[in-house]
Amino acid sequence: MTELSVDERAELEALRARISELERERTEEIARANAAIAALQERVYWLDRWHLDLNALMARRGADEFRAGVRVIRAAVRRVRLLKRRVLG
């Protein structure tokens, strides 16, 4: 086996460091994906338990208006929370 030059050793160490960083990032991405899957499974569990079919529910008359109303309420709640944070924090 041939000896590595100083430049080759430095490049090898830099590559090893980059590989370690990429492996850490991948591990974090997998953990986030697993958490998202778990949250979705929890939601689906309750929808199944309550025998709710969201596709059928949203196809009914008035569903668009209901979603618009929910969006308005969510926006108001967000504004109140933001205002509360600004005042208290």
N, C-alpha and C. Protein backbone atom coordinates (compact mmCIF):
# COMPACT_ATOMS: atom_id res chain seq x y z
N MET A 1 0.84 -1.18 0.00
CA MET A 1 0.00 0.00 0.00
C MET A 1 0.89 1.24 0.00
N THR A 2 0.52 2.23 -0.79
CA THR A 2 1.34 3.43 -0.90
C THR A 2 0.96 4.42 0.17
N GLU A 3 1.92 5.21 0.56
CA GLU A 3 1.70 6.27 1.55
C GLU A 3 0.93 7.42 0.90
N LEU A 4 0.03 8.01 1.67
CA LEU A 4 -0.73 9.15 1.19
C LEU A 4 0.05 10.43 1.43
N SER A 5 -0.08 11.35 0.48
CA SER A 5 0.57 12.64 0.67
C SER A 5 -0.26 13.46 1.67
N VAL A 6 0.30 14.56 2.10
CA VAL A 6 -0.39 15.44 3.05
C VAL A 6 -1.69 15.95 2.44
N ASP A 7 -1.65 16.33 1.17
CA ASP A 7 -2.86 16.82 0.50
C ASP A 7 -3.92 15.73 0.41
N GLU A 8 -3.49 14.51 0.09
CA GLU A 8 -4.43 13.40 -0.02
C GLU A 8 -5.05 13.08 1.34
N ARG A 9 -4.25 13.13 2.39
CA ARG A 9 -4.77 12.88 3.73
C ARG A 9 -5.79 13.95 4.11
N ALA A 10 -5.48 15.19 3.81
CA ALA A 10 -6.39 16.29 4.13
C ALA A 10 -7.71 16.12 3.37
N GLU A 11 -7.61 15.76 2.09
CA GLU A 11 -8.80 15.55 1.29
C GLU A 11 -9.62 14.38 1.83
N LEU A 12 -8.93 13.30 2.21
CA LEU A 12 -9.60 12.14 2.78
C LEU A 12 -10.33 12.49 4.08
N GLU A 13 -9.69 13.25 4.93
CA GLU A 13 -10.33 13.68 6.18
C GLU A 13 -11.52 14.59 5.91
N ALA A 14 -11.39 15.47 4.94
CA ALA A 14 -12.50 16.35 4.58
C ALA A 14 -13.68 15.54 4.05
N LEU A 15 -13.40 14.53 3.23
CA LEU A 15 -14.46 13.67 2.72
C LEU A 15 -15.12 12.87 3.83
N ARG A 16 -14.32 12.37 4.76
CA ARG A 16 -14.89 11.63 5.90
C ARG A 16 -15.78 12.53 6.75
N ALA A 17 -15.34 13.76 6.96
CA ALA A 17 -16.14 14.70 7.73
C ALA A 17 -17.46 15.00 7.01
N ARG A 18 -17.39 15.16 5.70
CA ARG A 18 -18.61 15.44 4.92
C ARG A 18 -19.56 14.25 4.97
N ILE A 19 -19.02 13.04 4.88
CA ILE A 19 -19.85 11.84 4.96
C ILE A 19 -20.54 11.77 6.32
N SER A 20 -19.81 12.07 7.38
CA SER A 20 -20.40 12.06 8.72
C SER A 20 -21.53 13.08 8.82
N GLU A 21 -21.31 14.26 8.26
CA GLU A 21 -22.32 15.31 8.28
C GLU A 21 -23.56 14.87 7.50
N LEU A 22 -23.36 14.28 6.33
CA LEU A 22 -24.49 13.82 5.52
C LEU A 22 -25.25 12.69 6.23
N GLU A 23 -24.53 11.80 6.89
CA GLU A 23 -25.20 10.72 7.63
C GLU A 23 -26.03 11.29 8.78
N ARG A 24 -25.51 12.30 9.46
CA ARG A 24 -26.26 12.93 10.55
C ARG A 24 -27.51 13.61 10.00
N GLU A 25 -27.39 14.33 8.89
CA GLU A 25 -28.54 14.99 8.27
C GLU A 25 -29.59 13.96 7.85
N ARG A 26 -29.12 12.85 7.28
CA ARG A 26 -30.05 11.79 6.85
C ARG A 26 -30.78 11.20 8.05
N THR A 27 -30.07 10.98 9.14
CA THR A 27 -30.69 10.45 10.35
C THR A 27 -31.77 11.40 10.86
N GLU A 28 -31.49 12.71 10.83
CA GLU A 28 -32.47 13.70 11.27
C GLU A 28 -33.68 13.71 10.34
N GLU A 29 -33.44 13.60 9.03
CA GLU A 29 -34.55 13.58 8.07
C GLU A 29 -35.43 12.35 8.30
N ILE A 30 -34.80 11.21 8.55
CA ILE A 30 -35.56 9.99 8.79
C ILE A 30 -36.39 10.14 10.06
N ALA A 31 -35.81 10.73 11.09
CA ALA A 31 -36.55 10.94 12.35
C ALA A 31 -37.75 11.86 12.12
N ARG A 32 -37.57 12.94 11.34
CA ARG A 32 -38.69 13.84 11.04
C ARG A 32 -39.77 13.13 10.22
N ALA A 33 -39.34 12.34 9.26
CA ALA A 33 -40.31 11.59 8.44
C ALA A 33 -41.08 10.60 9.30
N ASN A 34 -40.39 9.90 10.19
CA ASN A 34 -41.07 8.95 11.07
C ASN A 34 -42.06 9.65 11.99
N ALA A 35 -41.70 10.82 12.48
CA ALA A 35 -42.61 11.58 13.34
C ALA A 35 -43.85 12.02 12.55
N ALA A 36 -43.65 12.45 11.31
CA ALA A 36 -44.78 12.87 10.48
C ALA A 36 -45.69 11.68 10.18
N ILE A 37 -45.11 10.54 9.89
CA ILE A 37 -45.90 9.34 9.62
C ILE A 37 -46.70 8.95 10.86
N ALA A 38 -46.06 9.01 12.02
CA ALA A 38 -46.76 8.66 13.27
C ALA A 38 -47.94 9.59 13.51
N ALA A 39 -47.75 10.89 13.26
CA ALA A 39 -48.83 11.86 13.45
C ALA A 39 -49.98 11.57 12.48
N LEU A 40 -49.65 11.26 11.23
CA LEU A 40 -50.70 10.95 10.26
C LEU A 40 -51.42 9.65 10.61
N GLN A 41 -50.68 8.67 11.09
CA GLN A 41 -51.33 7.43 11.52
C GLN A 41 -52.29 7.68 12.67
N GLU A 42 -51.92 8.56 13.56
CA GLU A 42 -52.79 8.91 14.69
C GLU A 42 -54.09 9.54 14.17
N ARG A 43 -53.97 10.46 13.22
CA ARG A 43 -55.15 11.10 12.65
C ARG A 43 -56.04 10.08 11.94
N VAL A 44 -55.42 9.23 11.14
CA VAL A 44 -56.19 8.24 10.40
C VAL A 44 -56.88 7.28 11.36
N TYR A 45 -56.20 6.93 12.44
CA TYR A 45 -56.81 6.04 13.43
C TYR A 45 -58.13 6.62 13.93
N TRP A 46 -58.12 7.90 14.29
CA TRP A 46 -59.34 8.50 14.84
C TRP A 46 -60.41 8.68 13.77
N LEU A 47 -60.00 8.98 12.55
CA LEU A 47 -60.99 9.08 11.48
C LEU A 47 -61.66 7.72 11.26
N ASP A 48 -60.87 6.67 11.26
CA ASP A 48 -61.43 5.32 11.10
C ASP A 48 -62.31 4.96 12.28
N ARG A 49 -61.86 5.29 13.46
CA ARG A 49 -62.63 4.93 14.66
C ARG A 49 -63.98 5.64 14.68
N TRP A 50 -64.01 6.89 14.23
CA TRP A 50 -65.26 7.64 14.20
C TRP A 50 -66.05 7.39 12.91
N HIS A 51 -65.53 6.52 12.03
CA HIS A 51 -66.17 6.18 10.76
C HIS A 51 -66.40 7.42 9.90
N LEU A 52 -65.38 8.27 9.82
CA LEU A 52 -65.47 9.48 9.01
C LEU A 52 -64.71 9.28 7.70
N ASP A 53 -65.37 9.60 6.61
CA ASP A 53 -64.74 9.59 5.29
C ASP A 53 -64.62 11.05 4.86
N LEU A 54 -63.42 11.58 4.97
CA LEU A 54 -63.24 13.01 4.66
C LEU A 54 -63.56 13.33 3.21
N ASN A 55 -63.25 12.42 2.29
CA ASN A 55 -63.56 12.68 0.88
C ASN A 55 -65.06 12.83 0.68
N ALA A 56 -65.83 11.95 1.29
CA ALA A 56 -67.29 12.04 1.16
C ALA A 56 -67.81 13.29 1.87
N LEU A 57 -67.24 13.58 3.02
CA LEU A 57 -67.68 14.75 3.79
C LEU A 57 -67.41 16.04 3.02
N MET A 58 -66.24 16.14 2.41
CA MET A 58 -65.89 17.36 1.68
C MET A 58 -66.59 17.47 0.34
N ALA A 59 -67.17 16.38 -0.13
CA ALA A 59 -67.91 16.42 -1.40
C ALA A 59 -69.34 16.92 -1.19
N ARG A 60 -69.76 16.99 0.05
CA ARG A 60 -71.14 17.41 0.34
C ARG A 60 -71.30 18.92 0.11
N ARG A 61 -72.56 19.31 -0.08
CA ARG A 61 -72.88 20.71 -0.29
C ARG A 61 -72.54 21.49 0.98
N GLY A 62 -71.91 22.63 0.82
CA GLY A 62 -71.57 23.47 1.95
C GLY A 62 -70.17 23.24 2.49
N ALA A 63 -69.46 22.23 1.99
CA ALA A 63 -68.13 21.92 2.50
C ALA A 63 -67.14 23.05 2.21
N ASP A 64 -67.25 23.63 1.02
CA ASP A 64 -66.34 24.73 0.67
C ASP A 64 -66.55 25.92 1.61
N GLU A 65 -67.79 26.22 1.89
CA GLU A 65 -68.09 27.33 2.78
C GLU A 65 -67.58 27.03 4.20
N PHE A 66 -67.75 25.79 4.63
CA PHE A 66 -67.28 25.39 5.95
C PHE A 66 -65.77 25.56 6.04
N ARG A 67 -65.04 25.09 5.02
CA ARG A 67 -63.57 25.23 5.02
C ARG A 67 -63.16 26.70 5.03
N ALA A 68 -63.88 27.54 4.29
CA ALA A 68 -63.58 28.97 4.28
C ALA A 68 -63.79 29.56 5.67
N GLY A 69 -64.85 29.16 6.33
CA GLY A 69 -65.11 29.64 7.69
C GLY A 69 -64.03 29.20 8.66
N VAL A 70 -63.58 27.96 8.52
CA VAL A 70 -62.51 27.46 9.39
C VAL A 70 -61.23 28.26 9.15
N ARG A 71 -60.95 28.57 7.89
CA ARG A 71 -59.75 29.37 7.58
C ARG A 71 -59.83 30.74 8.23
N VAL A 72 -60.99 31.36 8.20
CA VAL A 72 -61.18 32.68 8.82
C VAL A 72 -60.95 32.59 10.33
N ILE A 73 -61.52 31.57 10.95
CA ILE A 73 -61.36 31.39 12.40
C ILE A 73 -59.89 31.12 12.74
N ARG A 74 -59.22 30.27 11.97
CA ARG A 74 -57.80 29.99 12.22
C ARG A 74 -56.95 31.25 12.09
N ALA A 75 -57.25 32.07 11.10
CA ALA A 75 -56.50 33.31 10.92
C ALA A 75 -56.69 34.23 12.11
N ALA A 76 -57.93 34.31 12.60
CA ALA A 76 -58.20 35.16 13.77
C ALA A 76 -57.46 34.64 15.00
N VAL A 77 -57.47 33.33 15.20
CA VAL A 77 -56.78 32.74 16.35
C VAL A 77 -55.27 33.01 16.25
N ARG A 78 -54.72 32.88 15.06
CA ARG A 78 -53.28 33.16 14.87
C ARG A 78 -52.96 34.61 15.21
N ARG A 79 -53.81 35.52 14.78
CA ARG A 79 -53.57 36.93 15.08
C ARG A 79 -53.62 37.21 16.57
N VAL A 80 -54.59 36.60 17.25
CA VAL A 80 -54.70 36.78 18.70
C VAL A 80 -53.46 36.22 19.39
N ARG A 81 -53.01 35.05 18.98
CA ARG A 81 -51.81 34.46 19.58
C ARG A 81 -50.58 35.32 19.33
N LEU A 82 -50.44 35.85 18.12
CA LEU A 82 -49.32 36.72 17.80
C LEU A 82 -49.36 37.98 18.65
N LEU A 83 -50.52 38.58 18.76
CA LEU A 83 -50.69 39.78 19.57
C LEU A 83 -50.36 39.48 21.03
N LYS A 84 -50.83 38.34 21.51
CA LYS A 84 -50.57 37.94 22.89
C LYS A 84 -49.06 37.78 23.14
N ARG A 85 -48.37 37.15 22.18
CA ARG A 85 -46.91 36.99 22.31
C ARG A 85 -46.19 38.34 22.33
N ARG A 86 -46.65 39.26 21.49
CA ARG A 86 -46.02 40.58 21.43
C ARG A 86 -46.25 41.36 22.73
N VAL A 87 -47.44 41.25 23.28
CA VAL A 87 -47.77 41.97 24.49
C VAL A 87 -47.07 41.36 25.72
N LEU A 88 -47.10 40.03 25.82
CA LEU A 88 -46.56 39.37 26.99
C LEU A 88 -45.07 39.04 26.88
N GLY A 89 -44.57 38.93 25.69
CA GLY A 89 -43.20 38.46 25.57
C GLY A 89 -42.26 39.45 25.07
